[in-house]
């Protein structure tokens, strides 16, 4: 037991030092960030996705000079008939994260209802994504990967729509697409213990400083209707509140 305690203490100490280095040594951390990101669009499925999953990336990009961040939310989150409330909560959360209200678009399509058991049609999702990309001259899109962090079918549907756009080469040539990397359950809730491996192995990543972490907590707390006990625990232990690791989708005209 004593050996185990010493080993765990050593691991924690290493993770804390690594975190302090990558979170506060900004020139080094920038080496892992998306290059030349000027007009960035985050595509999510529901209000609260931006805080629960994309907080570190949004905060870092919002304070980046000459970068404008947009958000496209595919539904108002009306699973429990709270769509109007959740829409207002999203605007409040984005105030904390730094996304301006005029840069937020929330869809109210009847065929895009918040439901973890329903797969949205890719064709229906891809059109508003493409439209906003062209109208706002987006050069970087960030969304879920094929596993959608939690396997939520609404999340994975957004990825499938994005993959379809890339496969059909419908996005502008200068537009690049990045996906939030999903990890297994153990890593998902390992908080800081996952940070060294995630940072080293990922091609692109964004780290939340301690102040960023507190800001993300406030943003999520703005979603009062969703801020139940198990989401409070998620916000404490989830590595997604501390680090976002991204992969670029290849196979379209904008890929490197």
Protein backbone atom coordinates (compact mmCIF):
# COMPACT_ATOMS: atom_id res chain seq x y z
CA UNK A 1 0.00 0.00 0.00
CA UNK A 2 2.85 2.37 0.82
CA UNK A 3 4.49 1.69 -2.55
CA UNK A 4 1.20 2.31 -4.32
CA UNK A 5 0.73 5.60 -2.49
CA UNK A 6 4.21 6.75 -3.44
CA UNK A 7 3.66 5.72 -7.06
CA UNK A 8 0.33 7.55 -7.31
CA UNK A 9 1.83 10.63 -5.68
CA UNK A 10 4.70 10.58 -8.18
CA UNK A 11 2.30 10.26 -11.11
CA UNK A 12 0.13 13.09 -9.82
CA UNK A 13 3.20 15.27 -9.28
CA UNK A 14 4.39 14.61 -12.82
CA UNK A 15 0.93 15.39 -14.26
CA UNK A 16 0.74 18.63 -12.29
CA UNK A 17 4.16 19.75 -13.51
CA UNK A 18 3.35 18.78 -17.08
CA UNK A 19 0.06 20.67 -16.89
CA UNK A 20 1.73 23.78 -15.48
CA UNK A 21 4.26 23.69 -18.31
CA UNK A 22 1.86 23.27 -21.23
CA UNK A 23 -0.89 25.48 -19.79
CA UNK A 24 1.26 28.46 -18.94
CA UNK A 25 4.15 28.21 -21.40
CA UNK A 26 2.01 29.64 -24.21
CA UNK A 27 4.68 29.61 -26.97
CA UNK A 28 5.12 25.86 -26.51
CA UNK A 29 1.39 25.16 -26.27
CA UNK A 30 0.77 27.11 -29.48
CA UNK A 31 2.86 24.57 -31.39
CA UNK A 32 -0.07 22.15 -31.01
CA UNK A 33 -2.78 24.60 -32.02
CA UNK A 34 -4.51 24.79 -35.40
CA UNK A 35 -2.43 27.05 -37.66
CA UNK A 36 -3.87 30.10 -39.39
CA UNK A 37 -7.34 29.78 -37.86
CA UNK A 38 -9.06 33.10 -38.52
CA UNK A 39 -12.77 32.32 -38.86
CA UNK A 40 -13.61 29.23 -36.85
CA UNK A 41 -16.98 27.48 -36.75
CA UNK A 42 -17.87 25.06 -33.95
CA UNK A 43 -20.71 22.71 -34.90
CA UNK A 44 -22.52 21.11 -31.96
CA UNK A 45 -25.73 19.15 -31.48
CA UNK A 46 -27.29 20.68 -28.36
CA UNK A 47 -27.00 23.66 -26.03
CA UNK A 48 -24.37 22.73 -23.38
CA UNK A 49 -22.16 20.76 -25.83
CA UNK A 50 -19.98 23.85 -26.21
CA UNK A 51 -19.18 23.92 -22.47
CA UNK A 52 -19.09 20.19 -21.77
CA UNK A 53 -16.83 19.22 -24.67
CA UNK A 54 -15.26 22.16 -26.52
CA UNK A 55 -14.48 24.69 -23.76
CA UNK A 56 -10.65 24.68 -23.90
CA UNK A 57 -10.58 25.10 -27.69
CA UNK A 58 -13.24 27.83 -27.72
CA UNK A 59 -11.57 29.88 -24.98
CA UNK A 60 -8.13 29.65 -26.58
CA UNK A 61 -9.41 30.57 -30.02
CA UNK A 62 -11.62 33.41 -28.76
CA UNK A 63 -8.65 35.19 -27.22
CA UNK A 64 -6.43 34.54 -30.23
CA UNK A 65 -5.65 37.72 -32.14
CA UNK A 66 -7.35 38.09 -35.54
CA UNK A 67 -9.60 35.06 -34.88
CA UNK A 68 -13.40 35.15 -34.90
CA UNK A 69 -15.35 32.22 -33.45
CA UNK A 70 -18.82 31.14 -34.58
CA UNK A 71 -21.18 28.50 -33.20
CA UNK A 72 -23.77 26.46 -35.08
CA UNK A 73 -26.00 24.44 -32.74
CA UNK A 74 -28.14 21.92 -34.63
CA UNK A 75 -31.05 21.86 -32.14
CA UNK A 76 -32.55 23.84 -29.25
CA UNK A 77 -32.35 20.75 -27.01
CA UNK A 78 -36.08 20.24 -26.70
CA UNK A 79 -35.93 16.65 -25.37
CA UNK A 80 -37.77 17.67 -22.18
CA UNK A 81 -39.76 20.50 -23.80
CA UNK A 82 -37.30 23.10 -22.52
CA UNK A 83 -36.09 24.36 -25.86
CA UNK A 84 -36.77 28.06 -25.29
CA UNK A 85 -35.07 27.95 -21.88
CA UNK A 86 -32.05 26.08 -23.20
CA UNK A 87 -31.64 28.54 -26.06
CA UNK A 88 -31.29 31.42 -23.59
CA UNK A 89 -28.92 29.35 -21.44
CA UNK A 90 -26.71 28.83 -24.47
CA UNK A 91 -26.41 32.56 -25.08
CA UNK A 92 -25.44 33.08 -21.43
CA UNK A 93 -22.84 30.30 -21.53
CA UNK A 94 -21.30 31.76 -24.67
CA UNK A 95 -20.89 35.10 -22.90
CA UNK A 96 -18.50 33.37 -20.52
CA UNK A 97 -16.71 31.55 -23.34
CA UNK A 98 -16.31 34.64 -25.48
CA UNK A 99 -18.55 33.88 -28.48
CA UNK A 100 -20.58 36.93 -29.47
CA UNK A 101 -24.34 36.46 -29.73
CA UNK A 102 -24.46 37.58 -33.37
CA UNK A 103 -22.06 34.75 -34.19
CA UNK A 104 -24.40 32.06 -32.81
CA UNK A 105 -26.96 30.22 -34.91
CA UNK A 106 -29.37 27.75 -33.28
CA UNK A 107 -31.53 25.65 -35.58
CA UNK A 108 -35.17 24.82 -34.80
CA UNK A 109 -35.82 22.11 -37.38
CA UNK A 110 -38.64 19.74 -36.40
CA UNK A 111 -36.63 16.84 -37.85
CA UNK A 112 -33.62 17.65 -35.67
CA UNK A 113 -35.01 16.86 -32.25
CA UNK A 114 -32.78 16.24 -29.24
CA UNK A 115 -32.92 12.48 -28.75
CA UNK A 116 -29.96 10.17 -27.96
CA UNK A 117 -31.65 7.30 -29.79
CA UNK A 118 -32.34 9.15 -33.05
CA UNK A 119 -29.94 9.43 -35.94
CA UNK A 120 -30.33 12.67 -37.85
CA UNK A 121 -30.22 12.58 -41.65
CA UNK A 122 -26.85 13.70 -42.94
CA UNK A 123 -28.37 15.56 -45.88
CA UNK A 124 -30.51 17.66 -43.53
CA UNK A 125 -27.54 18.62 -41.35
CA UNK A 126 -25.01 19.24 -44.10
CA UNK A 127 -26.97 22.04 -45.80
CA UNK A 128 -26.97 24.56 -42.90
CA UNK A 129 -23.32 23.73 -42.17
CA UNK A 130 -22.37 24.42 -45.78
CA UNK A 131 -24.50 27.56 -45.89
CA UNK A 132 -22.95 29.06 -42.75
CA UNK A 133 -19.46 28.09 -43.90
CA UNK A 134 -19.89 29.98 -47.17
CA UNK A 135 -21.78 32.99 -45.79
CA UNK A 136 -19.31 33.56 -42.92
CA UNK A 137 -16.23 32.66 -44.98
CA UNK A 138 -15.23 29.98 -42.48
CA UNK A 139 -11.71 28.57 -42.82
CA UNK A 140 -11.78 26.10 -39.89
CA UNK A 141 -14.63 23.86 -38.71
CA UNK A 142 -14.48 21.96 -35.40
CA UNK A 143 -17.01 19.29 -34.46
CA UNK A 144 -17.40 15.76 -33.02
CA UNK A 145 -15.65 12.68 -34.33
CA UNK A 146 -17.41 9.48 -35.39
CA UNK A 147 -17.90 8.36 -31.76
CA UNK A 148 -19.27 11.71 -30.59
CA UNK A 149 -17.51 11.56 -27.18
CA UNK A 150 -20.39 9.63 -25.60
CA UNK A 151 -21.82 7.69 -28.55
CA UNK A 152 -24.83 10.02 -28.62
CA UNK A 153 -26.47 9.49 -32.03
CA UNK A 154 -27.10 13.19 -32.48
CA UNK A 155 -23.37 13.83 -32.02
CA UNK A 156 -22.32 11.12 -34.43
CA UNK A 157 -24.86 12.35 -36.98
CA UNK A 158 -23.10 15.71 -37.08
CA UNK A 159 -19.81 13.97 -37.80
CA UNK A 160 -21.41 11.87 -40.54
CA UNK A 161 -22.80 15.00 -42.18
CA UNK A 162 -19.41 16.66 -42.03
CA UNK A 163 -17.71 13.58 -43.44
CA UNK A 164 -20.24 13.59 -46.28
CA UNK A 165 -19.42 17.20 -47.10
CA UNK A 166 -15.73 16.35 -47.14
CA UNK A 167 -16.22 13.22 -49.23
CA UNK A 168 -18.27 15.09 -51.79
CA UNK A 169 -15.77 17.98 -51.75
CA UNK A 170 -18.50 20.56 -51.27
CA UNK A 171 -16.64 22.70 -48.74
CA UNK A 172 -14.58 25.69 -49.92
CA UNK A 173 -11.02 24.73 -50.81
CA UNK A 174 -9.52 26.83 -48.02
CA UNK A 175 -11.74 25.27 -45.32
CA UNK A 176 -10.22 22.66 -43.00
CA UNK A 177 -12.22 20.34 -40.74
CA UNK A 178 -11.13 19.08 -37.31
CA UNK A 179 -12.82 16.56 -35.02
CA UNK A 180 -12.75 16.30 -31.25
CA UNK A 181 -11.06 13.02 -30.42
CA UNK A 182 -13.12 10.57 -28.35
CA UNK A 183 -11.41 8.47 -25.68
CA UNK A 184 -12.43 5.46 -23.60
CA UNK A 185 -14.37 5.77 -20.37
CA UNK A 186 -11.32 5.49 -18.09
CA UNK A 187 -9.48 8.29 -19.87
CA UNK A 188 -12.63 10.37 -20.20
CA UNK A 189 -12.95 10.72 -16.43
CA UNK A 190 -9.26 10.74 -15.51
CA UNK A 191 -9.06 14.55 -15.49
CA UNK A 192 -5.41 15.63 -15.28
CA UNK A 193 -3.99 12.10 -15.34
CA UNK A 194 -4.80 11.82 -19.04
CA UNK A 195 -3.25 15.14 -20.00
CA UNK A 196 0.39 14.11 -20.74
CA UNK A 197 -0.58 11.23 -23.02
CA UNK A 198 -3.30 13.24 -24.75
CA UNK A 199 -1.06 16.22 -25.38
CA UNK A 200 1.91 14.23 -26.64
CA UNK A 201 -0.03 11.85 -28.90
CA UNK A 202 -2.45 14.32 -30.48
CA UNK A 203 -1.53 16.42 -33.54
CA UNK A 204 -3.63 19.36 -32.34
CA UNK A 205 -4.67 20.27 -28.81
CA UNK A 206 -5.89 23.11 -26.62
CA UNK A 207 -5.25 23.30 -22.88
CA UNK A 208 -7.39 25.14 -20.34
CA UNK A 209 -5.51 27.09 -17.70
CA UNK A 210 -6.86 27.08 -14.15
CA UNK A 211 -8.69 30.34 -14.89
CA UNK A 212 -10.05 28.81 -18.11
CA UNK A 213 -11.24 25.76 -16.19
CA UNK A 214 -13.16 27.98 -13.77
CA UNK A 215 -14.64 29.92 -16.70
CA UNK A 216 -15.84 26.69 -18.33
CA UNK A 217 -17.43 25.69 -15.03
CA UNK A 218 -19.33 28.99 -14.98
CA UNK A 219 -20.39 28.52 -18.59
CA UNK A 220 -21.80 25.07 -17.84
CA UNK A 221 -23.51 26.36 -14.70
CA UNK A 222 -25.38 28.78 -16.99
CA UNK A 223 -27.22 25.74 -18.34
CA UNK A 224 -29.39 25.63 -15.21
CA UNK A 225 -31.89 23.17 -16.66
CA UNK A 226 -29.13 20.65 -17.38
CA UNK A 227 -26.90 21.24 -14.37
CA UNK A 228 -27.95 18.14 -12.43
CA UNK A 229 -25.71 16.17 -10.08
CA UNK A 230 -24.17 13.77 -12.61
CA UNK A 231 -23.22 16.62 -14.95
CA UNK A 232 -21.65 18.44 -12.01
CA UNK A 233 -19.52 15.35 -11.41
CA UNK A 234 -18.71 15.20 -15.12
CA UNK A 235 -17.49 18.80 -15.05
CA UNK A 236 -15.16 18.02 -12.17
CA UNK A 237 -13.57 14.84 -13.50
CA UNK A 238 -13.83 15.08 -17.29
CA UNK A 239 -10.62 15.57 -19.22
CA UNK A 240 -12.63 17.44 -21.91
CA UNK A 241 -12.94 20.38 -19.53
CA UNK A 242 -9.14 20.51 -19.32
CA UNK A 243 -7.92 19.50 -22.78
CA UNK A 244 -9.32 19.21 -26.29
CA UNK A 245 -7.42 16.96 -28.69
CA UNK A 246 -8.28 17.25 -32.35
CA UNK A 247 -7.73 15.32 -35.57
CA UNK A 248 -8.02 16.74 -39.05
CA UNK A 249 -10.40 15.08 -41.48
CA UNK A 250 -8.64 14.37 -44.74
CA UNK A 251 -10.15 13.59 -48.09
CA UNK A 252 -11.46 17.02 -49.06
CA UNK A 253 -10.04 19.91 -51.01
CA UNK A 254 -8.98 21.79 -47.92
CA UNK A 255 -7.03 18.93 -46.37
CA UNK A 256 -3.31 19.14 -46.07
